[in-house]
Amino acid sequence: MNTKLVIITLAVVLVAVSGCSNKAIYQNLQLNKKQECRRLPVTEYDECMRGMEQSYEEYERQRKQTTNQ
């Protein structure tokens, strides 16, 4: 489990350092989460994928609302 966290963290840092936008980072994290969903049993897959439905624009709008309050 710690290895996965290190890999994800490293990927995020590399993307951030390379000058990619926040949207690209979000999309990369979503891709990693989808890959994790694929490793789950079929009974858990659909529930896991439901968490991937939020677009970057929705995420950004929600994040701004949360940070402005």
PDB file of N, CA and C in Angstrom:
ATOM      1  N   MET A   1       0.828  -1.197   0.000  1.00  0.00           N
ATOM      2  CA  MET A   1       0.000   0.000   0.000  1.00  0.00           C
ATOM      3  C   MET A   1       0.868   1.256   0.000  1.00  0.00           C
ATOM      4  N   ASN A   2       1.932   1.275   0.783  1.00  0.00           N
ATOM      5  CA  ASN A   2       2.817   2.436   0.822  1.00  0.00           C
ATOM      6  C   ASN A   2       3.501   2.664  -0.514  1.00  0.00           C
ATOM      7  N   THR A   3       3.798   1.594  -1.225  1.00  0.00           N
ATOM      8  CA  THR A   3       4.434   1.718  -2.528  1.00  0.00           C
ATOM      9  C   THR A   3       3.519   2.445  -3.497  1.00  0.00           C
ATOM     10  N   LYS A   4       2.228   2.143  -3.461  1.00  0.00           N
ATOM     11  CA  LYS A   4       1.260   2.814  -4.335  1.00  0.00           C
ATOM     12  C   LYS A   4       1.216   4.305  -4.031  1.00  0.00           C
ATOM     13  N   LEU A   5       1.218   4.635  -2.767  1.00  0.00           N
ATOM     14  CA  LEU A   5       1.177   6.039  -2.364  1.00  0.00           C
ATOM     15  C   LEU A   5       2.420   6.773  -2.839  1.00  0.00           C
ATOM     16  N   VAL A   6       3.567   6.145  -2.736  1.00  0.00           N
ATOM     17  CA  VAL A   6       4.813   6.753  -3.189  1.00  0.00           C
ATOM     18  C   VAL A   6       4.777   6.973  -4.701  1.00  0.00           C
ATOM     19  N   ILE A   7       4.281   5.993  -5.431  1.00  0.00           N
ATOM     20  CA  ILE A   7       4.213   6.103  -6.889  1.00  0.00           C
ATOM     21  C   ILE A   7       3.268   7.223  -7.294  1.00  0.00           C
ATOM     22  N   ILE A   8       2.105   7.282  -6.675  1.00  0.00           N
ATOM     23  CA  ILE A   8       1.142   8.332  -6.994  1.00  0.00           C
ATOM     24  C   ILE A   8       1.704   9.699  -6.640  1.00  0.00           C
ATOM     25  N   THR A   9       2.314   9.812  -5.478  1.00  0.00           N
ATOM     26  CA  THR A   9       2.910  11.075  -5.062  1.00  0.00           C
ATOM     27  C   THR A   9       4.011  11.497  -6.025  1.00  0.00           C
ATOM     28  N   LEU A  10       4.833  10.574  -6.404  1.00  0.00           N
ATOM     29  CA  LEU A  10       5.908  10.863  -7.346  1.00  0.00           C
ATOM     30  C   LEU A  10       5.346  11.314  -8.695  1.00  0.00           C
ATOM     31  N   ALA A  11       4.296  10.661  -9.159  1.00  0.00           N
ATOM     32  CA  ALA A  11       3.676  11.047 -10.428  1.00  0.00           C
ATOM     33  C   ALA A  11       3.131  12.467 -10.352  1.00  0.00           C
ATOM     34  N   VAL A  12       2.494  12.789  -9.250  1.00  0.00           N
ATOM     35  CA  VAL A  12       1.936  14.134  -9.072  1.00  0.00           C
ATOM     36  C   VAL A  12       3.053  15.167  -9.050  1.00  0.00           C
ATOM     37  N   VAL A  13       4.120  14.881  -8.349  1.00  0.00           N
ATOM     38  CA  VAL A  13       5.248  15.814  -8.277  1.00  0.00           C
ATOM     39  C   VAL A  13       5.873  16.005  -9.653  1.00  0.00           C
ATOM     40  N   LEU A  14       6.051  14.930 -10.382  1.00  0.00           N
ATOM     41  CA  LEU A  14       6.644  15.031 -11.715  1.00  0.00           C
ATOM     42  C   LEU A  14       5.768  15.852 -12.653  1.00  0.00           C
ATOM     43  N   VAL A  15       4.479  15.650 -12.570  1.00  0.00           N
ATOM     44  CA  VAL A  15       3.568  16.427 -13.407  1.00  0.00           C
ATOM     45  C   VAL A  15       3.626  17.895 -13.011  1.00  0.00           C
ATOM     46  N   ALA A  16       3.628  18.162 -11.722  1.00  0.00           N
ATOM     47  CA  ALA A  16       3.664  19.547 -11.250  1.00  0.00           C
ATOM     48  C   ALA A  16       4.967  20.227 -11.647  1.00  0.00           C
ATOM     49  N   VAL A  17       6.061  19.529 -11.519  1.00  0.00           N
ATOM     50  CA  VAL A  17       7.364  20.097 -11.854  1.00  0.00           C
ATOM     51  C   VAL A  17       7.486  20.352 -13.350  1.00  0.00           C
ATOM     52  N   SER A  18       6.858  19.518 -14.135  1.00  0.00           N
ATOM     53  CA  SER A  18       6.962  19.686 -15.581  1.00  0.00           C
ATOM     54  C   SER A  18       6.120  20.849 -16.099  1.00  0.00           C
ATOM     55  N   GLY A  19       5.413  21.519 -15.234  1.00  0.00           N
ATOM     56  CA  GLY A  19       4.679  22.712 -15.628  1.00  0.00           C
ATOM     57  C   GLY A  19       3.288  22.440 -16.161  1.00  0.00           C
ATOM     58  N   CYS A  20       2.744  21.274 -15.910  1.00  0.00           N
ATOM     59  CA  CYS A  20       1.399  20.971 -16.378  1.00  0.00           C
ATOM     60  C   CYS A  20       0.367  21.739 -15.563  1.00  0.00           C
ATOM     61  N   SER A  21      -0.775  21.898 -16.143  1.00  0.00           N
ATOM     62  CA  SER A  21      -1.844  22.636 -15.487  1.00  0.00           C
ATOM     63  C   SER A  21      -2.488  21.800 -14.384  1.00  0.00           C
ATOM     64  N   ASN A  22      -3.254  22.473 -13.563  1.00  0.00           N
ATOM     65  CA  ASN A  22      -4.001  21.774 -12.517  1.00  0.00           C
ATOM     66  C   ASN A  22      -4.945  20.760 -13.132  1.00  0.00           C
ATOM     67  N   LYS A  23      -5.501  21.074 -14.279  1.00  0.00           N
ATOM     68  CA  LYS A  23      -6.411  20.156 -14.955  1.00  0.00           C
ATOM     69  C   LYS A  23      -5.685  18.874 -15.340  1.00  0.00           C
ATOM     70  N   ALA A  24      -4.472  18.985 -15.835  1.00  0.00           N
ATOM     71  CA  ALA A  24      -3.695  17.800 -16.212  1.00  0.00           C
ATOM     72  C   ALA A  24      -3.377  16.949 -14.987  1.00  0.00           C
ATOM     73  N   ILE A  25      -3.070  17.593 -13.889  1.00  0.00           N
ATOM     74  CA  ILE A  25      -2.802  16.862 -12.647  1.00  0.00           C
ATOM     75  C   ILE A  25      -4.058  16.125 -12.200  1.00  0.00           C
ATOM     76  N   TYR A  26      -5.196  16.808 -12.220  1.00  0.00           N
ATOM     77  CA  TYR A  26      -6.469  16.194 -11.840  1.00  0.00           C
ATOM     78  C   TYR A  26      -6.758  14.980 -12.723  1.00  0.00           C
ATOM     79  N   GLN A  27      -6.576  15.142 -14.022  1.00  0.00           N
ATOM     80  CA  GLN A  27      -6.850  14.048 -14.953  1.00  0.00           C
ATOM     81  C   GLN A  27      -5.908  12.871 -14.713  1.00  0.00           C
ATOM     82  N   ASN A  28      -4.668  13.152 -14.390  1.00  0.00           N
ATOM     83  CA  ASN A  28      -3.709  12.087 -14.096  1.00  0.00           C
ATOM     84  C   ASN A  28      -4.114  11.333 -12.832  1.00  0.00           C
ATOM     85  N   LEU A  29      -4.534  12.061 -11.816  1.00  0.00           N
ATOM     86  CA  LEU A  29      -4.986  11.417 -10.584  1.00  0.00           C
ATOM     87  C   LEU A  29      -6.227  10.576 -10.832  1.00  0.00           C
ATOM     88  N   GLN A  30      -7.138  11.073 -11.652  1.00  0.00           N
ATOM     89  CA  GLN A  30      -8.343  10.314 -11.993  1.00  0.00           C
ATOM     90  C   GLN A  30      -7.976   9.028 -12.722  1.00  0.00           C
ATOM     91  N   LEU A  31      -7.021   9.112 -13.632  1.00  0.00           N
ATOM     92  CA  LEU A  31      -6.566   7.930 -14.357  1.00  0.00           C
ATOM     93  C   LEU A  31      -5.999   6.892 -13.395  1.00  0.00           C
ATOM     94  N   ASN A  32      -5.199   7.335 -12.446  1.00  0.00           N
ATOM     95  CA  ASN A  32      -4.636   6.420 -11.447  1.00  0.00           C
ATOM     96  C   ASN A  32      -5.738   5.766 -10.625  1.00  0.00           C
ATOM     97  N   LYS A  33      -6.744   6.538 -10.246  1.00  0.00           N
ATOM     98  CA  LYS A  33      -7.859   5.984  -9.468  1.00  0.00           C
ATOM     99  C   LYS A  33      -8.637   4.960 -10.282  1.00  0.00           C
ATOM    100  N   LYS A  34      -8.837   5.235 -11.565  1.00  0.00           N
ATOM    101  CA  LYS A  34      -9.548   4.283 -12.433  1.00  0.00           C
ATOM    102  C   LYS A  34      -8.772   2.974 -12.549  1.00  0.00           C
ATOM    103  N   GLN A  35      -7.463   3.071 -12.617  1.00  0.00           N
ATOM    104  CA  GLN A  35      -6.640   1.867 -12.678  1.00  0.00           C
ATOM    105  C   GLN A  35      -6.784   1.058 -11.396  1.00  0.00           C
ATOM    106  N   GLU A  36      -6.875   1.746 -10.280  1.00  0.00           N
ATOM    107  CA  GLU A  36      -7.091   1.056  -9.002  1.00  0.00           C
ATOM    108  C   GLU A  36      -8.463   0.384  -8.993  1.00  0.00           C
ATOM    109  N   CYS A  37      -9.478   1.040  -9.545  1.00  0.00           N
ATOM    110  CA  CYS A  37     -10.822   0.450  -9.609  1.00  0.00           C
ATOM    111  C   CYS A  37     -10.804  -0.849 -10.404  1.00  0.00           C
ATOM    112  N   ARG A  38     -10.023  -0.873 -11.462  1.00  0.00           N
ATOM    113  CA  ARG A  38      -9.954  -2.074 -12.314  1.00  0.00           C
ATOM    114  C   ARG A  38      -9.382  -3.276 -11.581  1.00  0.00           C
ATOM    115  N   ARG A  39      -8.659  -3.028 -10.535  1.00  0.00           N
ATOM    116  CA  ARG A  39      -8.050  -4.118  -9.763  1.00  0.00           C
ATOM    117  C   ARG A  39      -9.002  -4.687  -8.714  1.00  0.00           C
ATOM    118  N   LEU A  40     -10.122  -4.011  -8.497  1.00  0.00           N
ATOM    119  CA  LEU A  40     -11.082  -4.452  -7.486  1.00  0.00           C
ATOM    120  C   LEU A  40     -11.950  -5.590  -8.012  1.00  0.00           C
ATOM    121  N   PRO A  41     -12.558  -6.338  -7.100  1.00  0.00           N
ATOM    122  CA  PRO A  41     -13.515  -7.362  -7.535  1.00  0.00           C
ATOM    123  C   PRO A  41     -14.694  -6.712  -8.272  1.00  0.00           C
ATOM    124  N   VAL A  42     -15.332  -7.469  -9.137  1.00  0.00           N
ATOM    125  CA  VAL A  42     -16.446  -6.964  -9.938  1.00  0.00           C
ATOM    126  C   VAL A  42     -17.522  -6.345  -9.057  1.00  0.00           C
ATOM    127  N   THR A  43     -17.751  -6.907  -7.910  1.00  0.00           N
ATOM    128  CA  THR A  43     -18.796  -6.397  -7.016  1.00  0.00           C
ATOM    129  C   THR A  43     -18.496  -4.993  -6.497  1.00  0.00           C
ATOM    130  N   GLU A  44     -17.235  -4.574  -6.478  1.00  0.00           N
ATOM    131  CA  GLU A  44     -16.848  -3.257  -5.976  1.00  0.00           C
ATOM    132  C   GLU A  44     -16.511  -2.261  -7.092  1.00  0.00           C
ATOM    133  N   TYR A  45     -16.354  -2.771  -8.308  1.00  0.00           N
ATOM    134  CA  TYR A  45     -15.913  -1.940  -9.426  1.00  0.00           C
ATOM    135  C   TYR A  45     -16.866  -0.781  -9.716  1.00  0.00           C
ATOM    136  N   ASP A  46     -18.161  -1.066  -9.856  1.00  0.00           N
ATOM    137  CA  ASP A  46     -19.125  -0.015 -10.209  1.00  0.00           C
ATOM    138  C   ASP A  46     -19.150   1.102  -9.180  1.00  0.00           C
ATOM    139  N   GLU A  47     -19.134   0.742  -7.925  1.00  0.00           N
ATOM    140  CA  GLU A  47     -19.145   1.759  -6.868  1.00  0.00           C
ATOM    141  C   GLU A  47     -17.881   2.617  -6.928  1.00  0.00           C
ATOM    142  N   CYS A  48     -16.767   1.998  -7.163  1.00  0.00           N
ATOM    143  CA  CYS A  48     -15.502   2.728  -7.272  1.00  0.00           C
ATOM    144  C   CYS A  48     -15.537   3.689  -8.459  1.00  0.00           C
ATOM    145  N   MET A  49     -16.042   3.246  -9.590  1.00  0.00           N
ATOM    146  CA  MET A  49     -16.070   4.081 -10.789  1.00  0.00           C
ATOM    147  C   MET A  49     -17.052   5.237 -10.668  1.00  0.00           C
ATOM    148  N   ARG A  50     -18.083   5.096  -9.840  1.00  0.00           N
ATOM    149  CA  ARG A  50     -19.015   6.202  -9.643  1.00  0.00           C
ATOM    150  C   ARG A  50     -18.310   7.418  -9.069  1.00  0.00           C
ATOM    151  N   GLY A  51     -17.259   7.201  -8.347  1.00  0.00           N
ATOM    152  CA  GLY A  51     -16.493   8.307  -7.800  1.00  0.00           C
ATOM    153  C   GLY A  51     -15.675   9.051  -8.846  1.00  0.00           C
ATOM    154  N   MET A  52     -15.645   8.543 -10.071  1.00  0.00           N
ATOM    155  CA  MET A  52     -14.844   9.147 -11.139  1.00  0.00           C
ATOM    156  C   MET A  52     -15.678  10.030 -12.061  1.00  0.00           C
ATOM    157  N   GLU A  53     -16.930  10.223 -11.755  1.00  0.00           N
ATOM    158  CA  GLU A  53     -17.833  10.936 -12.660  1.00  0.00           C
ATOM    159  C   GLU A  53     -17.661  12.453 -12.635  1.00  0.00           C
ATOM    160  N   GLN A  54     -17.019  12.985 -11.638  1.00  0.00           N
ATOM    161  CA  GLN A  54     -16.888  14.442 -11.504  1.00  0.00           C
ATOM    162  C   GLN A  54     -15.844  14.985 -12.489  1.00  0.00           C
ATOM    163  N   SER A  55     -16.257  15.937 -13.304  1.00  0.00           N
ATOM    164  CA  SER A  55     -15.329  16.547 -14.251  1.00  0.00           C
ATOM    165  C   SER A  55     -14.399  17.511 -13.510  1.00  0.00           C
ATOM    166  N   TYR A  56     -13.335  17.912 -14.188  1.00  0.00           N
ATOM    167  CA  TYR A  56     -12.413  18.868 -13.579  1.00  0.00           C
ATOM    168  C   TYR A  56     -13.119  20.187 -13.284  1.00  0.00           C
ATOM    169  N   GLU A  57     -13.967  20.613 -14.202  1.00  0.00           N
ATOM    170  CA  GLU A  57     -14.672  21.879 -14.021  1.00  0.00           C
ATOM    171  C   GLU A  57     -15.569  21.842 -12.790  1.00  0.00           C
ATOM    172  N   GLU A  58     -16.267  20.705 -12.587  1.00  0.00           N
ATOM    173  CA  GLU A  58     -17.098  20.552 -11.385  1.00  0.00           C
ATOM    174  C   GLU A  58     -16.236  20.538 -10.129  1.00  0.00           C
ATOM    175  N   TYR A  59     -15.123  19.814 -10.206  1.00  0.00           N
ATOM    176  CA  TYR A  59     -14.194  19.754  -9.074  1.00  0.00           C
ATOM    177  C   TYR A  59     -13.682  21.151  -8.721  1.00  0.00           C
ATOM    178  N   GLU A  60     -13.265  21.896  -9.731  1.00  0.00           N
ATOM    179  CA  GLU A  60     -12.702  23.238  -9.514  1.00  0.00           C
ATOM    180  C   GLU A  60     -13.750  24.175  -8.921  1.00  0.00           C
ATOM    181  N   ARG A  61     -14.969  24.116  -9.413  1.00  0.00           N
ATOM    182  CA  ARG A  61     -16.055  24.951  -8.887  1.00  0.00           C
ATOM    183  C   ARG A  61     -16.306  24.620  -7.417  1.00  0.00           C
ATOM    184  N   GLN A  62     -16.357  23.331  -7.108  1.00  0.00           N
ATOM    185  CA  GLN A  62     -16.583  22.900  -5.720  1.00  0.00           C
ATOM    186  C   GLN A  62     -15.412  23.304  -4.829  1.00  0.00           C
ATOM    187  N   ARG A  63     -14.199  23.166  -5.328  1.00  0.00           N
ATOM    188  CA  ARG A  63     -13.012  23.534  -4.550  1.00  0.00           C
ATOM    189  C   ARG A  63     -13.013  25.022  -4.230  1.00  0.00           C
ATOM    190  N   LYS A  64     -13.356  25.842  -5.224  1.00  0.00           N
ATOM    191  CA  LYS A  64     -13.395  27.292  -4.999  1.00  0.00           C
ATOM    192  C   LYS A  64     -14.463  27.676  -3.996  1.00  0.00           C
ATOM    193  N   GLN A  65     -15.625  27.030  -4.073  1.00  0.00           N
ATOM    194  CA  GLN A  65     -16.684  27.313  -3.113  1.00  0.00           C
ATOM    195  C   GLN A  65     -16.233  26.959  -1.700  1.00  0.00           C
ATOM    196  N   THR A  66     -15.548  25.852  -1.568  1.00  0.00           N
ATOM    197  CA  THR A  66     -15.090  25.398  -0.266  1.00  0.00           C
ATOM    198  C   THR A  66     -14.013  26.315   0.309  1.00  0.00           C
ATOM    199  N   THR A  67     -13.082  26.745  -0.529  1.00  0.00           N
ATOM    200  CA  THR A  67     -11.985  27.578  -0.039  1.00  0.00           C
ATOM    201  C   THR A  67     -12.408  29.010   0.201  1.00  0.00           C
ATOM    202  N   ASN A  68     -13.496  29.472  -0.423  1.00  0.00           N
ATOM    203  CA  ASN A  68     -13.974  30.844  -0.223  1.00  0.00           C
ATOM    204  C   ASN A  68     -14.871  31.003   0.994  1.00  0.00           C
ATOM    205  N   GLN A  69     -15.280  29.912   1.577  1.00  0.00           N
ATOM    206  CA  GLN A  69     -16.186  30.016   2.721  1.00  0.00           C
ATOM    207  C   GLN A  69     -15.447  30.145   4.016  1.00  0.00           C
TER     208      GLN A  69
END
